Amino acid sequence: MTLDNLRRRPTPVSSLGKVQMGAITGAQLALMIALLAVLAAGGVVLSGVWPPADEPAPAVRPAPISEPAPEPVEPEPELTTMVAAPPMPEPEAEPLPTLAESDEPVRDALADIPLGVPGQQFLTPSNVIERSTSLIYLMAQGDVPYKLLPIARPKAAFAIYDDGTQVVADAAGFSRYDALAQWLNSLDLELLSDALAWFTPLFREAWSYYGGEASGFDMAVLTTLDLMIATPDIELSEARLIRKEAVWVYEEPAIEALPPLQKQILRMGPDNAATLKGVAGRARLIWVEQLNSQ
């Protein structure tokens, strides 16, 4: 077969169809890709969403390792230093007056204490402490300082009873001393002691004028009170009296030998004497307690 014959041989229909179909398919595919590209581009433009550029992935930080929370620690209590407050200054004691200027302070100290008429009469004259010290000085020796006592001696004469066989003291005369016993028993001895305790140095100073030591005043007060307390219990209405010159004396030597202070207490009668000795006993206890507290 010649070349021309070959050239003139018709191509089979089936083969031609395959070639054309393959060409269309390629064109359609190219067109579809182009359309998709245009649509994609348009969608991007219209939506404003650009595809993200390739960016490096963010570094992932390791999660911090959680440590257990520390246990709460209670704060230690603060040590408070106690500072002692400074002591309050004690009020200054009022200076003790001189002996020569002591009358008004003594009267002021006793102003609120009931003293009765006899007590007021004793405070009226000057030199209260000096006169009181003189009274103690004489009474400690057993004497009766009538001129210094705040109560005058009874005006009535010493009453006696004479039955024809003997002379004795009349019991009716004891009532002359009732007022004295009642006055002594009415005194508040504790208040008096408290009021006069501050003046004790002045009493001792006045005592020193008698030539003894100042502390001798303390013992003299005790001696005076002891003499009063030691007065014997004697019923004078039964004790015989004898006249010696112009005065009556006791026939019994033991009674007559008693100190004048004790004989005067006996003349007050047994009831009044017991009252006086009771007051003296209380005064002694208070005086001793005061001395022990100094």
C-alpha atoms as a PDB file:
ATOM      1  CA  MET A   1       0.000   0.000   0.000  1.00  0.00           C
ATOM      2  CA  THR A   2       1.242   3.333  -1.100  1.00  0.00           C
ATOM      3  CA  LEU A   3       1.723   6.324   0.984  1.00  0.00           C
ATOM      4  CA  ASP A   4      -1.124   8.068  -0.623  1.00  0.00           C
ATOM      5  CA  ASN A   5      -3.355   5.191   0.121  1.00  0.00           C
ATOM      6  CA  LEU A   6      -2.373   5.304   3.640  1.00  0.00           C
ATOM      7  CA  ARG A   7      -3.045   9.002   3.783  1.00  0.00           C
ATOM      8  CA  ARG A   8      -6.359   8.526   2.211  1.00  0.00           C
ATOM      9  CA  ARG A   9      -7.399   5.737   4.685  1.00  0.00           C
ATOM     10  CA  PRO A  10     -10.246   7.183   6.680  1.00  0.00           C
ATOM     11  CA  THR A  11      -9.816   7.382  10.413  1.00  0.00           C
ATOM     12  CA  PRO A  12     -12.197   5.226  12.318  1.00  0.00           C
ATOM     13  CA  VAL A  13     -15.075   7.004  13.783  1.00  0.00           C
ATOM     14  CA  SER A  14     -14.445   5.561  17.207  1.00  0.00           C
ATOM     15  CA  SER A  15     -10.915   6.809  17.270  1.00  0.00           C
ATOM     16  CA  LEU A  16     -11.918  10.312  16.196  1.00  0.00           C
ATOM     17  CA  GLY A  17     -14.487  10.510  18.835  1.00  0.00           C
ATOM     18  CA  LYS A  18     -12.040   9.600  21.552  1.00  0.00           C
ATOM     19  CA  VAL A  19      -9.592  12.262  20.455  1.00  0.00           C
ATOM     20  CA  GLN A  20     -12.176  15.061  20.466  1.00  0.00           C
ATOM     21  CA  MET A  21     -13.598  13.939  23.787  1.00  0.00           C
ATOM     22  CA  GLY A  22     -10.178  14.039  25.325  1.00  0.00           C
ATOM     23  CA  ALA A  23      -9.621  17.595  24.014  1.00  0.00           C
ATOM     24  CA  ILE A  24     -12.945  18.929  25.396  1.00  0.00           C
ATOM     25  CA  THR A  25     -12.400  17.408  28.680  1.00  0.00           C
ATOM     26  CA  GLY A  26      -9.064  19.154  29.094  1.00  0.00           C
ATOM     27  CA  ALA A  27     -10.566  22.508  28.035  1.00  0.00           C
ATOM     28  CA  GLN A  28     -13.464  22.133  30.410  1.00  0.00           C
ATOM     29  CA  LEU A  29     -11.151  21.241  33.227  1.00  0.00           C
ATOM     30  CA  ALA A  30      -8.998  24.262  32.576  1.00  0.00           C
ATOM     31  CA  LEU A  31     -12.087  26.460  32.447  1.00  0.00           C
ATOM     32  CA  MET A  32     -13.454  25.075  35.696  1.00  0.00           C
ATOM     33  CA  ILE A  33     -10.175  25.678  37.453  1.00  0.00           C
ATOM     34  CA  ALA A  34     -10.119  29.260  36.189  1.00  0.00           C
ATOM     35  CA  LEU A  35     -13.715  29.828  37.344  1.00  0.00           C
ATOM     36  CA  LEU A  36     -12.944  28.419  40.768  1.00  0.00           C
ATOM     37  CA  ALA A  37      -9.952  30.678  41.033  1.00  0.00           C
ATOM     38  CA  VAL A  38     -12.007  33.731  40.072  1.00  0.00           C
ATOM     39  CA  LEU A  39     -14.778  32.755  42.493  1.00  0.00           C
ATOM     40  CA  ALA A  40     -12.317  32.186  45.284  1.00  0.00           C
ATOM     41  CA  ALA A  41     -10.603  35.494  44.645  1.00  0.00           C
ATOM     42  CA  GLY A  42     -13.924  37.279  44.526  1.00  0.00           C
ATOM     43  CA  GLY A  43     -15.057  35.664  47.732  1.00  0.00           C
ATOM     44  CA  VAL A  44     -11.890  36.773  49.437  1.00  0.00           C
ATOM     45  CA  VAL A  45     -12.252  40.309  48.122  1.00  0.00           C
ATOM     46  CA  LEU A  46     -15.928  40.513  49.051  1.00  0.00           C
ATOM     47  CA  SER A  47     -15.560  38.982  52.501  1.00  0.00           C
ATOM     48  CA  GLY A  48     -12.352  40.777  53.446  1.00  0.00           C
ATOM     49  CA  VAL A  49     -10.971  37.605  54.909  1.00  0.00           C
ATOM     50  CA  TRP A  50      -7.488  36.952  53.774  1.00  0.00           C
ATOM     51  CA  PRO A  51      -5.963  33.651  54.316  1.00  0.00           C
ATOM     52  CA  PRO A  52      -3.433  33.918  57.111  1.00  0.00           C
ATOM     53  CA  ALA A  53       0.097  34.008  56.088  1.00  0.00           C
ATOM     54  CA  ASP A  54       2.267  31.280  57.249  1.00  0.00           C
ATOM     55  CA  GLU A  55       3.293  32.457  60.708  1.00  0.00           C
ATOM     56  CA  PRO A  56       5.466  30.642  63.115  1.00  0.00           C
ATOM     57  CA  ALA A  57       3.403  28.777  65.650  1.00  0.00           C
ATOM     58  CA  PRO A  58       3.385  30.544  68.994  1.00  0.00           C
ATOM     59  CA  ALA A  59       5.847  29.189  71.429  1.00  0.00           C
ATOM     60  CA  VAL A  60       4.157  27.121  74.023  1.00  0.00           C
ATOM     61  CA  ARG A  61       5.282  28.179  77.443  1.00  0.00           C
ATOM     62  CA  PRO A  62       5.566  25.430  79.920  1.00  0.00           C
ATOM     63  CA  ALA A  63       2.899  25.593  82.574  1.00  0.00           C
ATOM     64  CA  PRO A  64       4.356  26.783  85.866  1.00  0.00           C
ATOM     65  CA  ILE A  65       4.847  24.086  88.393  1.00  0.00           C
ATOM     66  CA  SER A  66       2.504  24.836  91.237  1.00  0.00           C
ATOM     67  CA  GLU A  67       4.198  24.458  94.560  1.00  0.00           C
ATOM     68  CA  PRO A  68       2.125  23.650  97.619  1.00  0.00           C
ATOM     69  CA  ALA A  69       1.074  26.757  99.507  1.00  0.00           C
ATOM     70  CA  PRO A  70       3.092  27.228 102.695  1.00  0.00           C
ATOM     71  CA  GLU A  71       1.243  26.561 105.897  1.00  0.00           C
ATOM     72  CA  PRO A  72       0.236  29.723 107.687  1.00  0.00           C
ATOM     73  CA  VAL A  73       2.626  30.591 110.440  1.00  0.00           C
ATOM     74  CA  GLU A  74       1.073  32.145 113.491  1.00  0.00           C
ATOM     75  CA  PRO A  75       2.933  35.254 114.502  1.00  0.00           C
ATOM     76  CA  GLU A  76       4.764  34.965 117.741  1.00  0.00           C
ATOM     77  CA  PRO A  77       3.182  37.071 120.472  1.00  0.00           C
ATOM     78  CA  GLU A  78       4.962  40.292 121.039  1.00  0.00           C
ATOM     79  CA  LEU A  79       6.675  40.525 124.360  1.00  0.00           C
ATOM     80  CA  THR A  80       5.280  43.515 126.172  1.00  0.00           C
ATOM     81  CA  THR A  81       7.586  45.038 128.669  1.00  0.00           C
ATOM     82  CA  MET A  82       5.643  46.148 131.694  1.00  0.00           C
ATOM     83  CA  VAL A  83       6.916  49.478 132.807  1.00  0.00           C
ATOM     84  CA  ALA A  84       6.007  50.195 136.381  1.00  0.00           C
ATOM     85  CA  ALA A  85       4.235  53.473 136.798  1.00  0.00           C
ATOM     86  CA  PRO A  86       6.189  55.935 138.856  1.00  0.00           C
ATOM     87  CA  PRO A  87       4.974  56.005 142.436  1.00  0.00           C
ATOM     88  CA  MET A  88       2.634  58.799 143.294  1.00  0.00           C
ATOM     89  CA  PRO A  89       4.376  61.380 145.385  1.00  0.00           C
ATOM     90  CA  GLU A  90       3.207  61.258 148.948  1.00  0.00           C
ATOM     91  CA  PRO A  91       1.605  64.440 150.202  1.00  0.00           C
ATOM     92  CA  GLU A  92       3.942  66.450 152.287  1.00  0.00           C
ATOM     93  CA  ALA A  93       3.193  66.121 155.955  1.00  0.00           C
ATOM     94  CA  GLU A  94       2.158  69.258 157.734  1.00  0.00           C
ATOM     95  CA  PRO A  95       5.056  70.454 159.862  1.00  0.00           C
ATOM     96  CA  LEU A  96       4.629  70.005 163.583  1.00  0.00           C
ATOM     97  CA  PRO A  97       4.145  73.334 165.335  1.00  0.00           C
ATOM     98  CA  THR A  98       6.524  74.466 168.003  1.00  0.00           C
ATOM     99  CA  LEU A  99       5.551  73.937 171.610  1.00  0.00           C
ATOM    100  CA  ALA A 100       4.988  77.664 172.045  1.00  0.00           C
ATOM    101  CA  GLU A 101       2.585  77.720 169.064  1.00  0.00           C
ATOM    102  CA  SER A 102       0.775  74.461 169.790  1.00  0.00           C
ATOM    103  CA  ASP A 103      -2.350  75.735 171.600  1.00  0.00           C
ATOM    104  CA  GLU A 104      -4.457  76.505 168.523  1.00  0.00           C
ATOM    105  CA  PRO A 105      -3.468  73.327 166.620  1.00  0.00           C
ATOM    106  CA  VAL A 106      -4.403  71.247 169.669  1.00  0.00           C
ATOM    107  CA  ARG A 107      -7.766  72.992 169.979  1.00  0.00           C
ATOM    108  CA  ASP A 108      -8.396  72.495 166.258  1.00  0.00           C
ATOM    109  CA  ALA A 109      -7.538  68.798 166.491  1.00  0.00           C
ATOM    110  CA  LEU A 110     -10.039  68.338 169.321  1.00  0.00           C
ATOM    111  CA  ALA A 111     -12.718  70.662 167.936  1.00  0.00           C
ATOM    112  CA  ASP A 112     -15.007  67.894 166.623  1.00  0.00           C
ATOM    113  CA  ILE A 113     -14.690  65.634 169.666  1.00  0.00           C
ATOM    114  CA  PRO A 114     -17.305  66.044 172.412  1.00  0.00           C
ATOM    115  CA  LEU A 115     -15.379  67.083 175.519  1.00  0.00           C
ATOM    116  CA  GLY A 116     -18.157  68.449 177.679  1.00  0.00           C
ATOM    117  CA  VAL A 117     -17.868  71.545 179.803  1.00  0.00           C
ATOM    118  CA  PRO A 118     -14.876  70.278 181.811  1.00  0.00           C
ATOM    119  CA  GLY A 119     -12.909  69.518 178.630  1.00  0.00           C
ATOM    120  CA  GLN A 120     -13.632  72.914 177.130  1.00  0.00           C
ATOM    121  CA  GLN A 121     -12.633  74.595 180.360  1.00  0.00           C
ATOM    122  CA  PHE A 122      -9.326  72.746 180.329  1.00  0.00           C
ATOM    123  CA  LEU A 123      -8.569  73.839 176.735  1.00  0.00           C
ATOM    124  CA  THR A 124      -9.376  77.511 177.256  1.00  0.00           C
ATOM    125  CA  PRO A 125      -6.216  78.643 179.075  1.00  0.00           C
ATOM    126  CA  SER A 126      -2.911  78.721 177.232  1.00  0.00           C
ATOM    127  CA  ASN A 127      -0.101  76.168 177.411  1.00  0.00           C
ATOM    128  CA  VAL A 128      -2.406  73.168 176.972  1.00  0.00           C
ATOM    129  CA  ILE A 129       0.395  70.668 176.403  1.00  0.00           C
ATOM    130  CA  GLU A 130       2.576  72.023 179.204  1.00  0.00           C
ATOM    131  CA  ARG A 131      -0.316  71.883 181.707  1.00  0.00           C
ATOM    132  CA  SER A 132      -1.237  68.369 180.588  1.00  0.00           C
ATOM    133  CA  THR A 133       2.334  67.226 181.028  1.00  0.00           C
ATOM    134  CA  SER A 134       2.485  68.775 184.515  1.00  0.00           C
ATOM    135  CA  LEU A 135      -0.722  66.950 185.443  1.00  0.00           C
ATOM    136  CA  ILE A 136       0.819  63.643 184.348  1.00  0.00           C
ATOM    137  CA  TYR A 137       4.042  64.430 186.176  1.00  0.00           C
ATOM    138  CA  LEU A 138       2.254  64.959 189.497  1.00  0.00           C
ATOM    139  CA  MET A 139      -0.235  62.118 189.151  1.00  0.00           C
ATOM    140  CA  ALA A 140       2.534  59.656 188.265  1.00  0.00           C
ATOM    141  CA  GLN A 141       3.930  60.382 191.748  1.00  0.00           C
ATOM    142  CA  GLY A 142       0.553  59.665 193.303  1.00  0.00           C
ATOM    143  CA  ASP A 143      -0.428  63.291 193.933  1.00  0.00           C
ATOM    144  CA  VAL A 144      -3.716  64.956 193.072  1.00  0.00           C
ATOM    145  CA  PRO A 145      -3.102  68.248 191.209  1.00  0.00           C
ATOM    146  CA  TYR A 146      -6.407  69.874 192.098  1.00  0.00           C
ATOM    147  CA  LYS A 147      -5.423  73.204 190.574  1.00  0.00           C
ATOM    148  CA  LEU A 148      -4.751  71.558 187.186  1.00  0.00           C
ATOM    149  CA  LEU A 149      -7.802  69.310 187.048  1.00  0.00           C
ATOM    150  CA  PRO A 150     -10.661  70.443 184.811  1.00  0.00           C
ATOM    151  CA  ILE A 151     -13.226  69.761 187.555  1.00  0.00           C
ATOM    152  CA  ALA A 152     -13.234  71.708 190.760  1.00  0.00           C
ATOM    153  CA  ARG A 153     -13.238  69.961 194.084  1.00  0.00           C
ATOM    154  CA  PRO A 154     -16.668  69.395 195.618  1.00  0.00           C
ATOM    155  CA  LYS A 155     -17.769  72.406 197.593  1.00  0.00           C
ATOM    156  CA  ALA A 156     -19.497  70.311 200.243  1.00  0.00           C
ATOM    157  CA  ALA A 157     -17.358  69.204 203.143  1.00  0.00           C
ATOM    158  CA  PHE A 158     -16.229  65.633 203.470  1.00  0.00           C
ATOM    159  CA  ALA A 159     -19.275  63.875 204.919  1.00  0.00           C
ATOM    160  CA  ILE A 160     -18.826  61.638 207.932  1.00  0.00           C
ATOM    161  CA  TYR A 161     -21.130  59.445 209.955  1.00  0.00           C
ATOM    162  CA  ASP A 162     -20.740  59.129 213.702  1.00  0.00           C
ATOM    163  CA  ASP A 163     -22.839  56.448 215.401  1.00  0.00           C
ATOM    164  CA  GLY A 164     -21.347  57.110 218.795  1.00  0.00           C
ATOM    165  CA  THR A 165     -18.916  54.214 218.636  1.00  0.00           C
ATOM    166  CA  GLN A 166     -17.004  55.039 215.503  1.00  0.00           C
ATOM    167  CA  VAL A 167     -16.677  57.642 212.794  1.00  0.00           C
ATOM    168  CA  VAL A 168     -16.754  56.543 209.174  1.00  0.00           C
ATOM    169  CA  ALA A 169     -17.216  58.174 205.795  1.00  0.00           C
ATOM    170  CA  ASP A 170     -20.856  58.898 205.013  1.00  0.00           C
ATOM    171  CA  ALA A 171     -21.934  56.972 201.900  1.00  0.00           C
ATOM    172  CA  ALA A 172     -24.238  59.845 201.013  1.00  0.00           C
ATOM    173  CA  GLY A 173     -21.179  61.940 200.202  1.00  0.00           C
ATOM    174  CA  PHE A 174     -20.127  59.692 197.334  1.00  0.00           C
ATOM    175  CA  SER A 175     -22.696  61.301 195.054  1.00  0.00           C
ATOM    176  CA  ARG A 176     -20.552  64.461 194.972  1.00  0.00           C
ATOM    177  CA  TYR A 177     -18.377  62.654 192.398  1.00  0.00           C
ATOM    178  CA  ASP A 178     -21.131  61.292 190.191  1.00  0.00           C
ATOM    179  CA  ALA A 179     -20.703  64.088 187.643  1.00  0.00           C
ATOM    180  CA  LEU A 180     -16.952  63.447 187.380  1.00  0.00           C
ATOM    181  CA  ALA A 181     -17.425  59.716 186.832  1.00  0.00           C
ATOM    182  CA  GLN A 182     -20.128  60.292 184.216  1.00  0.00           C
ATOM    183  CA  TRP A 183     -17.972  62.815 182.363  1.00  0.00           C
ATOM    184  CA  LEU A 184     -14.947  60.498 182.293  1.00  0.00           C
ATOM    185  CA  ASN A 185     -17.079  57.623 181.047  1.00  0.00           C
ATOM    186  CA  SER A 186     -18.516  59.773 178.228  1.00  0.00           C
ATOM    187  CA  LEU A 187     -15.137  60.557 176.633  1.00  0.00           C
ATOM    188  CA  ASP A 188     -14.262  58.815 173.368  1.00  0.00           C
ATOM    189  CA  LEU A 189     -10.771  57.699 174.275  1.00  0.00           C
ATOM    190  CA  GLU A 190      -9.882  56.374 170.821  1.00  0.00           C
ATOM    191  CA  LEU A 191     -10.779  59.646 169.122  1.00  0.00           C
ATOM    192  CA  LEU A 192      -8.808  61.567 171.717  1.00  0.00           C
ATOM    193  CA  SER A 193      -5.797  59.311 171.251  1.00  0.00           C
ATOM    194  CA  ASP A 194      -5.893  59.618 167.462  1.00  0.00           C
ATOM    195  CA  ALA A 195      -6.247  63.393 167.633  1.00  0.00           C
ATOM    196  CA  LEU A 196      -3.386  63.872 170.084  1.00  0.00           C
ATOM    197  CA  ALA A 197      -0.989  61.232 168.697  1.00  0.00           C
ATOM    198  CA  TRP A 198       0.534  63.757 166.275  1.00  0.00           C
ATOM    199  CA  PHE A 199       1.476  65.994 169.233  1.00  0.00           C
ATOM    200  CA  THR A 200       3.264  63.253 171.177  1.00  0.00           C
ATOM    201  CA  PRO A 201       6.729  64.697 170.370  1.00  0.00           C
ATOM    202  CA  LEU A 202       5.626  67.996 171.919  1.00  0.00           C
ATOM    203  CA  PHE A 203       4.407  66.245 175.077  1.00  0.00           C
ATOM    204  CA  ARG A 204       7.803  64.564 175.316  1.00  0.00           C
ATOM    205  CA  GLU A 205       9.547  67.884 174.787  1.00  0.00           C
ATOM    206  CA  ALA A 206       7.538  69.457 177.594  1.00  0.00           C
ATOM    207  CA  TRP A 207       8.380  66.465 179.787  1.00  0.00           C
ATOM    208  CA  SER A 208      12.087  67.025 179.243  1.00  0.00           C
ATOM    209  CA  TYR A 209      11.787  70.362 181.065  1.00  0.00           C
ATOM    210  CA  TYR A 210      11.494  68.372 184.283  1.00  0.00           C
ATOM    211  CA  GLY A 211      15.051  67.166 183.785  1.00  0.00           C
ATOM    212  CA  GLY A 212      14.336  63.660 182.557  1.00  0.00           C
ATOM    213  CA  GLU A 213      14.594  62.091 179.159  1.00  0.00           C
ATOM    214  CA  ALA A 214      11.857  62.950 176.681  1.00  0.00           C
ATOM    215  CA  SER A 215      10.863  59.285 176.411  1.00  0.00           C
ATOM    216  CA  GLY A 216      10.110  59.286 180.134  1.00  0.00           C
ATOM    217  CA  PHE A 217       6.722  60.816 179.339  1.00  0.00           C
ATOM    218  CA  ASP A 218       5.553  57.524 177.822  1.00  0.00           C
ATOM    219  CA  MET A 219       6.283  55.622 181.027  1.00  0.00           C
ATOM    220  CA  ALA A 220       4.809  58.361 183.192  1.00  0.00           C
ATOM    221  CA  VAL A 221       1.449  57.993 181.440  1.00  0.00           C
ATOM    222  CA  LEU A 222       1.538  54.238 182.083  1.00  0.00           C
ATOM    223  CA  THR A 223       2.511  54.781 185.731  1.00  0.00           C
ATOM    224  CA  THR A 224      -0.403  57.166 186.277  1.00  0.00           C
ATOM    225  CA  LEU A 225      -2.913  54.789 184.714  1.00  0.00           C
ATOM    226  CA  ASP A 226      -1.524  51.812 186.618  1.00  0.00           C
ATOM    227  CA  LEU A 227      -1.890  53.692 189.920  1.00  0.00           C
ATOM    228  CA  MET A 228      -5.531  54.335 189.177  1.00  0.00           C
ATOM    229  CA  ILE A 229      -6.206  50.768 188.134  1.00  0.00           C
ATOM    230  CA  ALA A 230      -4.414  49.380 191.201  1.00  0.00           C
ATOM    231  CA  THR A 231      -6.549  51.312 193.673  1.00  0.00           C
ATOM    232  CA  PRO A 232      -7.750  48.687 196.164  1.00  0.00           C
ATOM    233  CA  ASP A 233     -11.436  47.949 196.550  1.00  0.00           C
ATOM    234  CA  ILE A 234     -12.197  49.236 200.021  1.00  0.00           C
ATOM    235  CA  GLU A 235     -15.565  50.188 201.407  1.00  0.00           C
ATOM    236  CA  LEU A 236     -14.755  53.486 203.100  1.00  0.00           C
ATOM    237  CA  SER A 237     -18.138  53.552 204.779  1.00  0.00           C
ATOM    238  CA  GLU A 238     -16.775  50.795 206.994  1.00  0.00           C
ATOM    239  CA  ALA A 239     -13.258  52.197 207.499  1.00  0.00           C
ATOM    240  CA  ARG A 240     -12.891  53.984 210.804  1.00  0.00           C
ATOM    241  CA  LEU A 241     -11.704  57.579 210.887  1.00  0.00           C
ATOM    242  CA  ILE A 242      -9.784  59.276 213.648  1.00  0.00           C
ATOM    243  CA  ARG A 243      -9.216  62.956 214.028  1.00  0.00           C
ATOM    244  CA  LYS A 244      -5.645  64.121 213.843  1.00  0.00           C
ATOM    245  CA  GLU A 245      -5.378  67.792 214.552  1.00  0.00           C
ATOM    246  CA  ALA A 246      -7.799  69.442 212.110  1.00  0.00           C
ATOM    247  CA  VAL A 247      -8.223  66.581 209.650  1.00  0.00           C
ATOM    248  CA  TRP A 248      -9.672  63.113 209.587  1.00  0.00           C
ATOM    249  CA  VAL A 249      -7.328  60.235 208.853  1.00  0.00           C
ATOM    250  CA  TYR A 250      -7.928  56.537 208.470  1.00  0.00           C
ATOM    251  CA  GLU A 251      -7.319  54.429 211.501  1.00  0.00           C
ATOM    252  CA  GLU A 252      -6.126  51.567 209.300  1.00  0.00           C
ATOM    253  CA  PRO A 253      -2.450  52.277 208.436  1.00  0.00           C
ATOM    254  CA  ALA A 254      -2.691  50.419 205.113  1.00  0.00           C
ATOM    255  CA  ILE A 255      -5.423  52.756 203.956  1.00  0.00           C
ATOM    256  CA  GLU A 256      -3.751  55.875 205.266  1.00  0.00           C
ATOM    257  CA  ALA A 257      -0.495  54.904 203.538  1.00  0.00           C
ATOM    258  CA  LEU A 258      -2.105  54.819 200.130  1.00  0.00           C
ATOM    259  CA  PRO A 259      -1.006  57.545 197.690  1.00  0.00           C
ATOM    260  CA  PRO A 260      -3.264  60.626 197.722  1.00  0.00           C
ATOM    261  CA  LEU A 261      -4.456  59.769 194.217  1.00  0.00           C
ATOM    262  CA  GLN A 262      -5.765  56.356 195.291  1.00  0.00           C
ATOM    263  CA  LYS A 263      -7.360  57.719 198.505  1.00  0.00           C
ATOM    264  CA  GLN A 264      -9.155  60.334 196.406  1.00  0.00           C
ATOM    265  CA  ILE A 265     -10.498  57.586 194.140  1.00  0.00           C
ATOM    266  CA  LEU A 266     -11.773  55.705 197.204  1.00  0.00           C
ATOM    267  CA  ARG A 267     -13.601  58.853 198.400  1.00  0.00           C
ATOM    268  CA  MET A 268     -15.599  58.770 195.143  1.00  0.00           C
ATOM    269  CA  GLY A 269     -17.386  55.677 196.411  1.00  0.00           C
ATOM    270  CA  PRO A 270     -17.203  52.113 195.086  1.00  0.00           C
ATOM    271  CA  ASP A 271     -19.400  52.686 192.030  1.00  0.00           C
ATOM    272  CA  ASN A 272     -17.666  55.829 190.817  1.00  0.00           C
ATOM    273  CA  ALA A 273     -14.273  54.331 191.613  1.00  0.00           C
ATOM    274  CA  ALA A 274     -15.088  51.287 189.476  1.00  0.00           C
ATOM    275  CA  THR A 275     -16.113  53.589 186.606  1.00  0.00           C
ATOM    276  CA  LEU A 276     -12.880  55.560 186.829  1.00  0.00           C
ATOM    277  CA  LYS A 277     -10.715  52.439 186.967  1.00  0.00           C
ATOM    278  CA  GLY A 278     -12.529  51.038 183.951  1.00  0.00           C
ATOM    279  CA  VAL A 279     -11.797  54.215 181.969  1.00  0.00           C
ATOM    280  CA  ALA A 280      -8.153  54.052 183.057  1.00  0.00           C
ATOM    281  CA  GLY A 281      -7.924  50.442 181.909  1.00  0.00           C
ATOM    282  CA  ARG A 282      -9.237  51.284 178.421  1.00  0.00           C
ATOM    283  CA  ALA A 283      -6.930  54.287 178.198  1.00  0.00           C
ATOM    284  CA  ARG A 284      -3.953  52.104 179.062  1.00  0.00           C
ATOM    285  CA  LEU A 285      -4.718  49.641 176.267  1.00  0.00           C
ATOM    286  CA  ILE A 286      -5.023  52.457 173.741  1.00  0.00           C
ATOM    287  CA  TRP A 287      -1.810  54.108 174.929  1.00  0.00           C
ATOM    288  CA  VAL A 288       0.187  50.883 174.710  1.00  0.00           C
ATOM    289  CA  GLU A 289      -1.171  50.192 171.231  1.00  0.00           C
ATOM    290  CA  GLN A 290      -0.178  53.680 170.133  1.00  0.00           C
ATOM    291  CA  LEU A 291       3.344  53.254 171.483  1.00  0.00           C
ATOM    292  CA  ASN A 292       3.733  49.898 169.719  1.00  0.00           C
ATOM    293  CA  SER A 293       2.643  51.387 166.394  1.00  0.00           C
ATOM    294  CA  GLN A 294       5.314  54.090 166.451  1.00  0.00           C
END
